[in-house]
Amino acid sequence: MKNKLHGSIIVTYRCNAKCNMCDVWQFPTKPADEIGLDVIEKLPEMFFTNITGGEPFVRKDLPEIIDIIHKKTKRIVISTNGFFTDRIISLCKKYPDLGIRVSLEGMQEANDKIRGIPDGYNRAIDTLMTLREMGIKDIGFGTTIQDHNYQDLIKLYEKGEELGYEHATATLHNSHYFCKTDNKLEKKDKIIAEFEKLINLLLKSKKPKAWFRAYYNFGLINFIHGNKRFLPCEMGDNGFFLDPYGDILACNGMDIKQPMGNLREQSWEDIWHSEKAKQVRDMVKVCDKNCWMIGSVAPAIFAHPISPVIWVLKNKLRILMGKKADLRIN
């Protein structure tokens, strides 16, 4: 699975939200400085592509970007705050196989406070419901758990189950991408307790994918404790980011941006096989940030399945025996 390339395309740093855990909105790109279709055309074929930002739907040429990416990848998922409902619906009418993941940072009060978008919760829910009515299948929402929304974690999981949506989780990270160095959790014990509840609920599911989501969430607990990540990070080998300025990055988790090269000025092959790319990959190998985000974890599970499978089987058996999952950190 290591040879299956996945890419994240950051199409803009402009954003209509003002999230408390991400300051990218304070450092927006200018439209004239953002990569154009000519740069998008230079990307290689990929197994999976995430379109992200900023808020991707602020780009009026996003449909043209998707026209190009759709020919280069097996699956596209767009990460959005769900505010631009009409634009999202229009794009999904053209490409009903698109995946849409809406950021939902809690129930209404917590979400609107964290994201800084008036009535943002209702707009996001309207978008999700409209997509469902259209018959779009690859839809879901994601939450970054922090001090201000951990109480809503189980409610959000239950809402996802009720509506049939996938619910992805994350927690606070600091990096150049988020323009943040001061994100931190004050209520770690309470947050971990909610993650433990979620893990046990996921393991009770009949869906194997939910069991591996339980493993992922166990990794978030490990990250919150400040421990070494369970699986190696291989970003830069099987995954990359393209930022709005044309820079190819191994990941979005480093404190200082480390480009492998610039796709405006070079070909993909020249960048990917360059000495600079090798240097960045070497940095990733010794990186001590231990980030645990789905973009790097999902490929790692596929590449190194033994320990996740053993964990899942052991804890699924415990659930079937009427016990709780063993969530001790070794």
Protein backbone atom coordinates (compact mmCIF):
# COMPACT_ATOMS: atom_id res chain seq x y z
CA MET A 1 0.00 0.00 0.00
CA LYS A 2 2.99 2.33 0.38
CA ASN A 3 3.02 3.07 -3.33
CA LYS A 4 -0.51 4.46 -3.28
CA LEU A 5 0.00 8.21 -3.36
CA HIS A 6 -2.43 10.50 -1.56
CA GLY A 7 -2.39 14.27 -1.89
CA SER A 8 -3.88 17.21 -0.03
CA ILE A 9 -4.39 20.31 -2.12
CA ILE A 10 -4.62 23.53 -0.09
CA VAL A 11 -6.31 25.70 -2.69
CA THR A 12 -6.45 28.86 -0.56
CA TYR A 13 -5.68 30.34 2.84
CA ARG A 14 -8.73 32.59 2.60
CA CYS A 15 -11.50 31.64 5.01
CA ASN A 16 -14.83 33.05 6.13
CA ALA A 17 -14.49 31.40 9.55
CA LYS A 18 -12.47 32.69 12.49
CA CYS A 19 -11.77 29.47 14.37
CA ASN A 20 -10.13 29.73 17.78
CA MET A 21 -7.74 26.84 17.01
CA CYS A 22 -6.62 28.09 13.58
CA ASP A 23 -5.38 31.57 12.69
CA VAL A 24 -5.04 31.04 8.95
CA TRP A 25 -7.87 33.55 8.41
CA GLN A 26 -5.55 36.25 9.76
CA PHE A 27 -3.00 35.50 7.02
CA PRO A 28 -5.11 35.00 3.88
CA THR A 29 -3.63 34.47 0.46
CA LYS A 30 -4.42 36.99 -2.25
CA PRO A 31 -6.39 35.45 -5.12
CA ALA A 32 -3.73 36.57 -7.60
CA ASP A 33 -1.05 34.68 -5.64
CA GLU A 34 -2.91 31.37 -5.48
CA ILE A 35 -2.01 28.45 -7.73
CA GLY A 36 -3.89 28.31 -11.00
CA LEU A 37 -5.15 25.50 -13.19
CA ASP A 38 -1.79 25.23 -14.94
CA VAL A 39 -0.18 24.14 -11.65
CA ILE A 40 -3.01 21.74 -10.83
CA GLU A 41 -2.46 20.11 -14.24
CA LYS A 42 1.12 19.24 -13.23
CA LEU A 43 0.04 17.00 -10.34
CA PRO A 44 0.56 13.23 -10.66
CA GLU A 45 -2.08 10.52 -10.53
CA MET A 46 -3.22 9.81 -6.97
CA PHE A 47 -5.12 7.15 -5.07
CA PHE A 48 -6.93 9.76 -2.94
CA THR A 49 -7.07 13.55 -2.95
CA ASN A 50 -8.28 15.91 -0.23
CA ILE A 51 -9.18 19.46 -1.24
CA THR A 52 -8.79 21.80 1.69
CA GLY A 53 -7.99 25.36 2.75
CA GLY A 54 -8.75 27.84 4.25
CA GLU A 55 -12.24 27.40 2.92
CA PRO A 56 -12.04 25.82 -0.56
CA PHE A 57 -15.40 27.13 -1.69
CA VAL A 58 -14.27 30.76 -1.54
CA ARG A 59 -12.45 29.97 -4.79
CA LYS A 60 -14.86 30.63 -7.63
CA ASP A 61 -12.79 28.43 -9.95
CA LEU A 62 -13.07 25.39 -7.65
CA PRO A 63 -15.27 23.56 -10.20
CA GLU A 64 -12.48 23.93 -12.80
CA ILE A 65 -9.95 22.63 -10.26
CA ILE A 66 -12.15 19.60 -9.61
CA ASP A 67 -12.49 19.03 -13.37
CA ILE A 68 -8.73 18.47 -13.49
CA ILE A 69 -8.32 16.54 -10.23
CA HIS A 70 -11.23 14.24 -11.08
CA LYS A 71 -9.18 12.81 -13.94
CA LYS A 72 -6.14 12.23 -11.73
CA THR A 73 -7.53 10.46 -8.68
CA LYS A 74 -9.85 7.65 -7.63
CA ARG A 75 -11.52 9.57 -4.82
CA ILE A 76 -11.86 13.25 -3.94
CA VAL A 77 -12.97 14.57 -0.55
CA ILE A 78 -13.47 18.30 -0.01
CA SER A 79 -13.10 19.67 3.53
CA THR A 80 -15.40 22.65 4.09
CA ASN A 81 -17.21 24.56 6.81
CA GLY A 82 -20.43 24.03 4.86
CA PHE A 83 -21.38 27.71 4.68
CA PHE A 84 -21.51 28.07 0.90
CA THR A 85 -24.39 25.65 0.43
CA ASP A 86 -25.34 26.70 -3.10
CA ARG A 87 -21.77 26.30 -4.39
CA ILE A 88 -21.41 22.91 -2.71
CA ILE A 89 -24.70 21.65 -4.12
CA SER A 90 -23.89 22.90 -7.60
CA LEU A 91 -20.53 21.09 -7.61
CA CYS A 92 -22.03 17.86 -6.27
CA LYS A 93 -24.69 17.91 -8.97
CA LYS A 94 -21.88 17.80 -11.52
CA TYR A 95 -19.81 15.26 -9.60
CA PRO A 96 -22.11 13.15 -7.37
CA ASP A 97 -19.18 10.88 -6.46
CA LEU A 98 -17.44 13.69 -4.55
CA GLY A 99 -16.87 13.28 -0.83
CA ILE A 100 -17.85 16.23 1.34
CA ARG A 101 -16.67 16.60 4.95
CA VAL A 102 -18.21 19.49 6.85
CA SER A 103 -16.45 20.84 9.93
CA LEU A 104 -18.86 20.84 12.86
CA GLU A 105 -17.22 21.88 16.12
CA GLY A 106 -20.01 20.84 18.47
CA MET A 107 -23.71 21.42 18.81
CA GLN A 108 -25.00 24.86 17.88
CA GLU A 109 -23.68 26.95 20.79
CA ALA A 110 -20.18 25.46 20.82
CA ASN A 111 -19.85 25.32 17.04
CA ASP A 112 -20.83 28.92 16.40
CA LYS A 113 -18.61 30.18 19.23
CA ILE A 114 -15.55 28.19 18.11
CA ARG A 115 -15.89 28.87 14.37
CA GLY A 116 -17.02 32.49 14.60
CA ILE A 117 -19.65 32.13 11.87
CA PRO A 118 -23.09 33.48 12.86
CA ASP A 119 -25.65 30.70 12.40
CA GLY A 120 -22.82 28.51 11.11
CA TYR A 121 -24.22 25.35 12.72
CA ASN A 122 -27.57 25.64 10.99
CA ARG A 123 -25.91 26.41 7.65
CA ALA A 124 -23.69 23.34 8.01
CA ILE A 125 -26.61 21.08 8.93
CA ASP A 126 -28.67 22.44 6.01
CA THR A 127 -25.79 21.62 3.67
CA LEU A 128 -25.48 18.09 5.03
CA MET A 129 -29.23 17.46 4.81
CA THR A 130 -29.46 18.83 1.28
CA LEU A 131 -26.61 16.57 0.18
CA ARG A 132 -28.46 13.61 1.69
CA GLU A 133 -31.66 14.54 -0.14
CA MET A 134 -29.66 14.68 -3.38
CA GLY A 135 -28.46 11.13 -2.84
CA ILE A 136 -24.80 12.02 -2.29
CA LYS A 137 -23.33 9.05 -0.45
CA ASP A 138 -19.82 10.13 0.59
CA ILE A 139 -20.74 12.75 3.18
CA GLY A 140 -19.84 13.32 6.79
CA PHE A 141 -18.61 15.83 9.32
CA GLY A 142 -15.52 16.29 11.43
CA THR A 143 -14.78 17.80 14.83
CA THR A 144 -11.59 19.08 16.45
CA ILE A 145 -12.05 18.27 20.12
CA GLN A 146 -10.90 20.88 22.63
CA ASP A 147 -11.81 22.40 26.01
CA HIS A 148 -14.83 24.22 24.57
CA ASN A 149 -16.60 21.30 22.90
CA TYR A 150 -15.60 17.97 24.47
CA GLN A 151 -19.02 17.77 26.17
CA ASP A 152 -20.60 17.50 22.71
CA LEU A 153 -18.44 14.63 21.42
CA ILE A 154 -20.92 11.83 22.16
CA LYS A 155 -23.87 13.94 21.02
CA LEU A 156 -22.13 14.48 17.70
CA TYR A 157 -21.39 10.77 17.35
CA GLU A 158 -25.04 9.97 18.06
CA LYS A 159 -26.17 12.60 15.57
CA GLY A 160 -23.93 11.05 12.94
CA GLU A 161 -25.37 7.60 13.65
CA GLU A 162 -28.91 8.96 13.52
CA LEU A 163 -28.36 10.65 10.16
CA GLY A 164 -26.07 7.98 8.71
CA TYR A 165 -23.05 10.30 8.41
CA GLU A 166 -19.43 9.47 9.07
CA HIS A 167 -18.03 11.43 12.04
CA ALA A 168 -14.30 12.13 12.00
CA THR A 169 -12.39 13.42 15.02
CA ALA A 170 -9.19 15.33 15.68
CA THR A 171 -7.71 17.32 18.52
CA LEU A 172 -5.60 20.45 18.80
CA HIS A 173 -2.29 20.63 16.95
CA ASN A 174 0.18 23.46 16.46
CA SER A 175 1.94 24.03 13.13
CA HIS A 176 2.80 26.55 10.45
CA TYR A 177 -0.35 25.41 8.61
CA PHE A 178 -2.65 26.47 11.44
CA CYS A 179 -0.52 29.58 12.11
CA LYS A 180 -0.65 28.56 15.77
CA THR A 181 1.92 27.75 18.44
CA ASP A 182 -0.25 28.14 21.55
CA ASN A 183 -3.03 25.57 21.08
CA LYS A 184 -3.29 23.48 24.26
CA LEU A 185 -5.77 21.40 26.22
CA GLU A 186 -6.44 22.38 29.83
CA LYS A 187 -9.10 19.73 30.54
CA LYS A 188 -7.15 16.70 29.38
CA ASP A 189 -8.69 14.20 31.82
CA LYS A 190 -12.23 15.17 30.93
CA ILE A 191 -11.48 15.12 27.21
CA ILE A 192 -9.84 11.70 27.46
CA ALA A 193 -12.86 10.38 29.37
CA GLU A 194 -15.12 11.42 26.49
CA PHE A 195 -12.83 9.80 23.94
CA GLU A 196 -12.95 6.59 25.99
CA LYS A 197 -16.76 6.64 25.84
CA LEU A 198 -16.60 7.16 22.08
CA ILE A 199 -14.14 4.30 21.59
CA ASN A 200 -16.41 1.87 23.41
CA LEU A 201 -19.39 3.00 21.33
CA LEU A 202 -17.43 2.55 18.10
CA LEU A 203 -16.36 -0.95 19.10
CA LYS A 204 -20.01 -1.89 19.69
CA SER A 205 -20.76 -1.06 16.06
CA LYS A 206 -21.28 -3.85 13.51
CA LYS A 207 -19.09 -1.98 11.02
CA PRO A 208 -15.38 -2.91 10.87
CA LYS A 209 -14.56 0.65 9.75
CA ALA A 210 -15.92 1.91 13.08
CA TRP A 211 -13.62 -0.48 14.95
CA PHE A 212 -10.59 1.05 13.25
CA ARG A 213 -11.95 4.50 14.00
CA ALA A 214 -11.87 3.36 17.62
CA TYR A 215 -8.18 2.57 17.20
CA TYR A 216 -7.62 6.00 15.63
CA ASN A 217 -9.34 7.67 18.60
CA PHE A 218 -7.20 5.61 20.98
CA GLY A 219 -4.25 7.16 19.17
CA LEU A 220 -5.68 10.60 19.91
CA ILE A 221 -5.67 9.75 23.62
CA ASN A 222 -2.05 8.68 23.26
CA PHE A 223 -1.26 11.98 21.50
CA ILE A 224 -2.97 14.00 24.23
CA HIS A 225 -0.75 12.23 26.77
CA GLY A 226 2.25 13.47 24.76
CA ASN A 227 3.52 10.02 23.85
CA LYS A 228 5.25 8.72 20.74
CA ARG A 229 2.72 7.92 18.01
CA PHE A 230 1.65 4.29 17.62
CA LEU A 231 2.55 4.06 13.93
CA PRO A 232 5.39 5.61 11.92
CA CYS A 233 4.68 8.76 9.93
CA GLU A 234 5.55 8.29 6.27
CA MET A 235 4.36 11.60 4.90
CA GLY A 236 6.58 12.68 2.07
CA ASP A 237 6.88 9.06 0.92
CA ASN A 238 3.25 8.16 0.24
CA GLY A 239 1.58 11.52 0.85
CA PHE A 240 2.11 15.22 0.23
CA PHE A 241 0.56 18.68 0.45
CA LEU A 242 0.42 21.31 -2.27
CA ASP A 243 -0.05 24.76 -0.78
CA PRO A 244 -1.63 27.83 -2.45
CA TYR A 245 1.80 29.23 -3.36
CA GLY A 246 2.79 26.09 -5.29
CA ASP A 247 5.07 24.58 -2.64
CA ILE A 248 5.07 20.79 -2.29
CA LEU A 249 5.24 19.83 1.39
CA ALA A 250 5.63 16.47 3.10
CA CYS A 251 3.00 17.39 5.67
CA ASN A 252 1.15 20.23 7.33
CA GLY A 253 2.29 19.44 10.87
CA MET A 254 5.77 20.92 11.04
CA ASP A 255 6.39 24.11 13.00
CA ILE A 256 8.37 25.59 10.10
CA LYS A 257 7.33 25.15 6.49
CA GLN A 258 9.75 22.84 4.66
CA PRO A 259 9.09 22.78 0.89
CA MET A 260 10.43 19.99 -1.29
CA GLY A 261 10.15 22.30 -4.27
CA ASN A 262 7.70 24.57 -6.07
CA LEU A 263 5.33 23.17 -8.69
CA ARG A 264 5.07 26.54 -10.42
CA GLU A 265 8.77 26.45 -11.18
CA GLN A 266 9.48 22.69 -11.47
CA SER A 267 7.91 19.50 -12.74
CA TRP A 268 6.42 16.99 -10.32
CA GLU A 269 9.10 14.42 -11.12
CA ASP A 270 11.91 16.90 -10.58
CA ILE A 271 10.51 17.82 -7.16
CA TRP A 272 9.59 14.33 -5.95
CA HIS A 273 12.98 12.82 -6.78
CA SER A 274 15.10 15.81 -5.78
CA GLU A 275 17.79 16.02 -3.13
CA LYS A 276 15.65 18.59 -1.31
CA ALA A 277 12.76 16.09 -1.16
CA LYS A 278 15.12 13.53 0.34
CA GLN A 279 16.22 16.05 2.98
CA VAL A 280 12.59 16.78 3.90
CA ARG A 281 11.80 13.06 4.15
CA ASP A 282 14.77 12.68 6.48
CA MET A 283 13.28 15.47 8.64
CA VAL A 284 9.98 13.60 8.78
CA LYS A 285 11.75 10.44 9.96
CA VAL A 286 13.21 12.22 12.99
CA CYS A 287 10.27 14.58 13.63
CA ASP A 288 9.25 14.43 17.29
CA LYS A 289 5.86 16.17 17.02
CA ASN A 290 4.04 12.82 16.94
CA CYS A 291 1.03 14.35 15.16
CA TRP A 292 -2.00 12.07 15.00
CA MET A 293 -4.21 13.32 12.18
CA ILE A 294 -6.27 11.13 9.91
CA GLY A 295 -4.37 12.24 6.79
CA SER A 296 -1.18 10.54 7.98
CA VAL A 297 -2.72 7.86 10.20
CA ALA A 298 -5.06 6.20 7.69
CA PRO A 299 -2.22 5.42 5.24
CA ALA A 300 -0.08 4.24 8.16
CA ILE A 301 -2.78 1.77 9.23
CA PHE A 302 -2.87 0.31 5.71
CA ALA A 303 0.92 0.17 5.51
CA HIS A 304 1.40 -1.29 9.03
CA PRO A 305 -1.82 -3.21 9.76
CA ILE A 306 -0.62 -5.81 12.26
CA SER A 307 -0.71 -3.81 15.47
CA PRO A 308 -4.01 -1.99 14.64
CA VAL A 309 -5.67 -5.32 13.71
CA ILE A 310 -4.48 -7.00 16.92
CA TRP A 311 -5.76 -4.04 18.98
CA VAL A 312 -9.14 -4.12 17.21
CA LEU A 313 -9.59 -7.89 17.60
CA LYS A 314 -8.59 -7.87 21.26
CA ASN A 315 -10.91 -5.02 22.18
CA LYS A 316 -13.82 -6.13 20.00
CA LEU A 317 -13.66 -9.45 21.86
CA ARG A 318 -13.73 -7.60 25.18
CA ILE A 319 -16.87 -5.75 24.07
CA LEU A 320 -18.53 -9.01 23.00
CA MET A 321 -17.72 -10.41 26.46
CA GLY A 322 -19.50 -7.47 28.08
CA LYS A 323 -16.29 -5.70 29.11
CA LYS A 324 -14.96 -2.25 28.24
CA ALA A 325 -12.04 -1.75 25.90
CA ASP A 326 -8.57 -1.91 27.41
CA LEU A 327 -7.42 1.68 26.99
CA ARG A 328 -4.31 1.61 29.11
CA ILE A 329 -1.34 3.31 27.46
CA ASN A 330 1.70 1.05 27.65
